[in-house]
Protein backbone atom coordinates (compact mmCIF):
# COMPACT_ATOMS: atom_id res chain seq x y z
CA MET A 1 -16.48 -5.28 -6.48
CA ASN A 2 -13.97 -3.23 -4.54
CA LEU A 3 -10.91 -5.18 -3.51
CA ALA A 4 -7.76 -4.52 -1.51
CA VAL A 5 -4.37 -6.08 -2.18
CA ILE A 6 -2.26 -5.55 0.91
CA PHE A 7 1.36 -6.46 0.44
CA ALA A 8 3.77 -7.28 3.22
CA GLY A 9 6.21 -9.51 1.41
CA GLY A 10 9.43 -7.96 2.75
CA VAL A 11 11.50 -8.72 5.81
CA GLY A 12 12.27 -5.11 6.78
CA THR A 13 16.06 -5.06 7.10
CA ARG A 14 16.06 -1.30 7.75
CA MET A 15 13.85 -1.82 10.80
CA ARG A 16 16.53 -3.98 12.48
CA THR A 17 13.92 -6.16 14.18
CA LYS A 18 15.09 -8.95 16.48
CA ASP A 19 13.01 -11.94 15.48
CA LYS A 20 10.17 -11.05 13.09
CA PRO A 21 9.40 -8.98 9.97
CA LYS A 22 8.36 -5.40 10.69
CA GLN A 23 4.73 -5.96 9.66
CA PHE A 24 4.29 -8.33 12.59
CA LEU A 25 5.66 -6.00 15.28
CA SER A 26 3.00 -5.34 17.90
CA VAL A 27 1.50 -1.96 18.78
CA CYS A 28 -1.16 -1.86 21.48
CA GLY A 29 -1.77 -5.59 21.32
CA LYS A 30 -2.01 -5.94 17.53
CA PRO A 31 0.59 -6.50 14.81
CA ILE A 32 1.03 -3.53 12.49
CA ILE A 33 -0.40 -5.48 9.57
CA VAL A 34 -3.59 -6.18 11.52
CA HIS A 35 -4.01 -2.45 12.21
CA THR A 36 -3.71 -1.93 8.44
CA ILE A 37 -6.00 -4.76 7.34
CA GLU A 38 -8.73 -3.74 9.79
CA LEU A 39 -9.10 -0.41 7.96
CA PHE A 40 -10.25 -2.38 4.91
CA GLN A 41 -12.01 -5.15 6.86
CA TYR A 42 -14.40 -2.67 8.45
CA HIS A 43 -14.90 -0.39 5.45
CA PRO A 44 -18.43 -0.88 4.08
CA TYR A 45 -17.36 -0.58 0.42
CA ILE A 46 -14.57 -3.18 0.51
CA ASP A 47 -15.74 -6.62 -0.60
CA GLY A 48 -12.58 -8.69 -0.46
CA ILE A 49 -8.93 -8.62 0.57
CA VAL A 50 -5.82 -10.43 -0.65
CA VAL A 51 -2.73 -10.37 1.57
CA VAL A 52 0.76 -10.88 0.15
CA CYS A 53 3.02 -12.21 2.87
CA VAL A 54 6.56 -13.44 3.50
CA GLU A 55 6.22 -17.11 2.59
CA ASP A 56 7.58 -18.52 5.86
CA TRP A 57 5.13 -16.36 7.81
CA ILE A 58 1.96 -17.36 5.94
CA PRO A 59 0.89 -19.81 8.71
CA TYR A 60 1.19 -16.99 11.26
CA MET A 61 -0.79 -14.66 8.98
CA GLU A 62 -3.49 -17.35 8.75
CA GLU A 63 -3.54 -17.44 12.56
CA LEU A 64 -3.95 -13.66 12.71
CA LYS A 65 -6.79 -13.86 10.20
CA PHE A 66 -8.62 -16.23 12.56
CA ARG A 67 -7.70 -14.48 15.81
CA PHE A 68 -8.79 -11.01 14.68
CA ARG A 69 -11.77 -12.21 12.58
CA LEU A 70 -10.43 -10.80 9.33
CA ASP A 71 -13.03 -12.64 7.32
CA LYS A 72 -12.81 -10.44 4.21
CA ILE A 73 -9.41 -11.97 3.48
CA GLY A 74 -10.05 -14.28 0.53
CA LYS A 75 -6.49 -15.47 0.05
CA ILE A 76 -2.98 -15.13 1.48
CA VAL A 77 -0.19 -15.57 -1.06
CA PRO A 78 3.62 -15.50 -0.91
CA GLY A 79 5.59 -12.46 -2.00
CA GLY A 80 7.88 -12.33 -5.03
CA GLN A 81 11.51 -11.46 -5.58
CA THR A 82 10.74 -7.73 -5.80
CA GLY A 83 8.03 -5.44 -4.53
CA GLN A 84 6.52 -5.28 -8.01
CA MET A 85 6.37 -9.07 -8.26
CA SER A 86 4.80 -9.30 -4.80
CA ILE A 87 2.04 -6.97 -5.94
CA TYR A 88 1.65 -8.98 -9.14
CA ASN A 89 1.16 -12.15 -7.08
CA GLY A 90 -1.56 -10.40 -5.13
CA LEU A 91 -3.28 -9.07 -8.25
CA LYS A 92 -3.30 -12.50 -9.85
CA ALA A 93 -4.83 -13.95 -6.68
CA ALA A 94 -7.48 -11.20 -6.67
CA LYS A 95 -8.42 -12.13 -10.24
CA GLU A 96 -8.51 -15.83 -9.35
CA VAL A 97 -10.71 -15.37 -6.28
CA TYR A 98 -12.97 -12.46 -7.30
CA GLY A 99 -12.77 -12.15 -11.08
CA VAL A 100 -11.58 -9.14 -13.02
CA ASP A 101 -14.35 -7.36 -14.96
CA ASP A 102 -15.11 -3.89 -13.54
CA ASN A 103 -13.43 -4.76 -10.22
CA ILE A 104 -11.52 -1.94 -8.54
CA VAL A 105 -8.37 -2.79 -6.59
CA LEU A 106 -6.74 -0.67 -3.89
CA ILE A 107 -3.03 -1.56 -3.58
CA HIS A 108 -1.72 -0.80 -0.12
CA ASP A 109 1.37 -1.33 2.02
CA GLY A 110 0.87 -3.64 4.98
CA VAL A 111 3.01 -1.27 7.04
CA ARG A 112 1.01 1.86 6.23
CA PRO A 113 -1.70 1.86 8.94
CA LEU A 114 -2.32 5.60 9.30
CA ILE A 115 -5.00 6.10 6.68
CA ASN A 116 -8.72 6.39 7.38
CA GLU A 117 -12.12 5.44 6.00
CA GLN A 118 -12.39 8.60 3.90
CA VAL A 119 -9.13 7.85 2.07
CA ILE A 120 -10.47 4.44 1.03
CA THR A 121 -13.79 5.93 -0.09
CA ASP A 122 -12.03 8.69 -2.05
CA ASN A 123 -9.83 6.13 -3.82
CA ILE A 124 -12.83 4.13 -4.96
CA GLU A 125 -14.74 7.18 -6.18
CA CYS A 126 -11.69 8.57 -7.97
CA VAL A 127 -11.13 5.32 -9.86
CA LYS A 128 -14.77 5.31 -10.95
CA LYS A 129 -14.36 8.86 -12.26
CA ASN A 130 -10.80 8.83 -13.60
CA GLY A 131 -9.66 5.22 -13.89
CA ALA A 132 -6.93 5.65 -11.29
CA ALA A 133 -6.34 7.13 -7.85
CA ILE A 134 -2.97 7.91 -6.26
CA THR A 135 -3.14 8.89 -2.61
CA SER A 136 -0.82 11.83 -2.04
CA ALA A 137 0.15 14.56 0.38
CA PRO A 138 1.62 18.03 -0.15
CA ALA A 139 5.40 18.28 -0.03
CA LYS A 140 6.35 19.95 3.24
CA GLU A 141 9.96 20.58 2.22
CA THR A 142 11.73 21.59 -0.98
CA PHE A 143 12.81 18.88 -3.43
CA VAL A 144 16.19 19.15 -5.10
CA LEU A 145 16.82 17.07 -8.23
CA ILE A 146 20.41 16.00 -8.81
CA ASP A 147 22.27 14.47 -11.74
CA ASP A 148 24.34 11.27 -11.75
CA ASN A 149 27.33 13.17 -10.35
CA GLY A 150 25.41 14.59 -7.41
CA ASN A 151 25.16 18.10 -8.85
CA VAL A 152 22.03 20.11 -8.18
CA GLY A 153 19.81 20.47 -11.20
CA GLU A 154 16.15 21.40 -11.16
CA ILE A 155 14.48 22.63 -7.97
CA PRO A 156 10.74 22.09 -8.48
CA SER A 157 8.31 24.52 -6.94
CA ARG A 158 6.92 23.18 -3.69
CA ASP A 159 3.50 24.43 -4.81
CA HIS A 160 3.57 21.80 -7.57
CA SER A 161 5.21 18.96 -5.61
CA ARG A 162 3.30 16.08 -4.06
CA ILE A 163 4.38 12.94 -2.22
CA ALA A 164 2.91 9.76 -3.71
CA LYS A 165 1.72 7.45 -0.97
CA ALA A 166 -0.86 4.63 -0.81
CA PRO A 167 -3.41 3.28 -1.50
CA GLN A 168 -2.77 3.40 -5.24
CA SER A 169 -5.92 2.24 -6.96
CA PHE A 170 -7.01 1.12 -10.42
CA TYR A 171 -9.37 -1.12 -12.28
CA LEU A 172 -7.97 -4.60 -11.72
CA LYS A 173 -7.90 -5.40 -15.45
CA ASP A 174 -5.86 -2.24 -16.17
CA ILE A 175 -3.17 -2.78 -13.56
CA LEU A 176 -2.85 -6.45 -14.50
CA GLU A 177 -2.43 -5.47 -18.14
CA ALA A 178 0.30 -2.97 -17.20
CA GLN A 179 2.04 -5.50 -14.95
CA GLU A 180 2.11 -8.12 -17.69
CA TRP A 181 3.42 -5.57 -20.21
CA SER A 182 6.19 -4.57 -17.78
CA ILE A 183 7.18 -8.15 -16.97
CA SER A 184 7.18 -9.16 -20.65
CA ASN A 185 9.65 -6.32 -21.25
CA GLY A 186 11.96 -7.50 -18.46
CA ASN A 187 10.97 -4.80 -15.96
CA THR A 188 10.16 -6.37 -12.59
CA SER A 189 11.42 -3.72 -10.15
CA MET A 190 9.15 -0.71 -10.69
CA ILE A 191 9.23 1.26 -7.45
CA ASP A 192 5.44 1.44 -7.14
CA SER A 193 2.25 1.00 -9.11
CA CYS A 194 1.86 4.66 -10.11
CA THR A 195 5.36 4.58 -11.65
CA LEU A 196 4.41 1.42 -13.52
CA MET A 197 1.14 2.85 -14.79
CA ALA A 198 2.79 6.11 -15.85
CA ALA A 199 5.40 4.12 -17.81
CA TYR A 200 2.55 2.22 -19.46
CA GLY A 201 1.05 5.53 -20.57
CA LYS A 202 -1.99 5.58 -18.29
CA LYS A 203 -3.40 8.88 -17.07
CA LEU A 204 -3.23 9.19 -13.28
CA ALA A 205 -5.33 11.20 -10.85
CA LEU A 206 -4.56 12.25 -7.27
CA ILE A 207 -6.57 12.25 -4.08
CA ASP A 208 -5.52 13.90 -0.83
CA GLY A 209 -4.54 11.78 2.14
CA PRO A 210 -3.32 12.58 5.64
CA THR A 211 0.25 13.84 6.01
CA GLU A 212 0.86 11.23 8.72
CA ASN A 213 0.22 8.43 6.20
CA ILE A 214 3.74 7.06 6.69
CA LYS A 215 5.20 3.75 5.64
CA ILE A 216 6.76 2.12 8.70
CA THR A 217 10.24 1.34 7.43
CA THR A 218 12.68 2.44 10.15
CA PRO A 219 12.63 2.45 13.96
CA ASP A 220 11.79 6.18 13.87
CA ASP A 221 8.66 5.40 11.83
CA PHE A 222 7.66 2.72 14.33
CA TYR A 223 7.97 5.10 17.28
CA MET A 224 6.03 7.77 15.36
CA PHE A 225 3.17 5.37 14.63
CA ARG A 226 3.03 4.25 18.23
CA ALA A 227 2.95 7.86 19.45
CA ILE A 228 0.20 8.87 17.00
CA TYR A 229 -1.83 5.75 17.81
CA ASP A 230 -1.52 6.38 21.56
CA ALA A 231 -2.54 10.02 21.13
CA ARG A 232 -5.60 9.02 19.10
CA GLU A 233 -6.54 6.37 21.64
CA ASN A 234 -6.32 8.99 24.37
CA GLN A 235 -8.53 11.31 22.24
CA GLN A 236 -5.84 13.94 21.91
CA LEU A 237 -5.92 13.81 18.09
CA GLU A 238 -8.72 13.36 15.55
């Protein structure tokens, strides 16, 4: 089976929203998280979805599941104390609902709605071939690495620099094994799943995704998503 774990367990303090977490802000009549989930809901290769949600907002997420007919959602679970632990909650729920053997899981941000069907397909095929798939995009600007004192150190070549995005995809049994190893060693704040898997010694493979595959974290991101969505709706962009 091919599964998606979509995590939206944060409250989005950088977004400065008035009365709701950023994933529930509306764009063109739908909350951002619904735009994201629908990409997996309507993909022919995705068999099941687990959503990780802010605990107090689970009843509202259940309402959205019904209202928008998101019937591939098998379970909605509360987030954890960190992003890593939120993902772990979702992975455990995926194992509970769908089993673990040979299942592929695509781990995706609930506030990253600007992917497409091909990205999901490429993730699944890459995991089958390589055991992992990290959606990425070319670096459009130069990275500068600094030391603890803020001094410039290495400046990697832009030709060899990529931005890790999402989905980040693995065999469910492998990512659960890495999560449990990390937690048993007291590490519960890994920045993302590819960092975790690299620390665990797993070989990673990249697939290309769209440059506009942004995570909606700040008001600027929100306005960018709305502008891109409007332009696509008006058939100005592919």
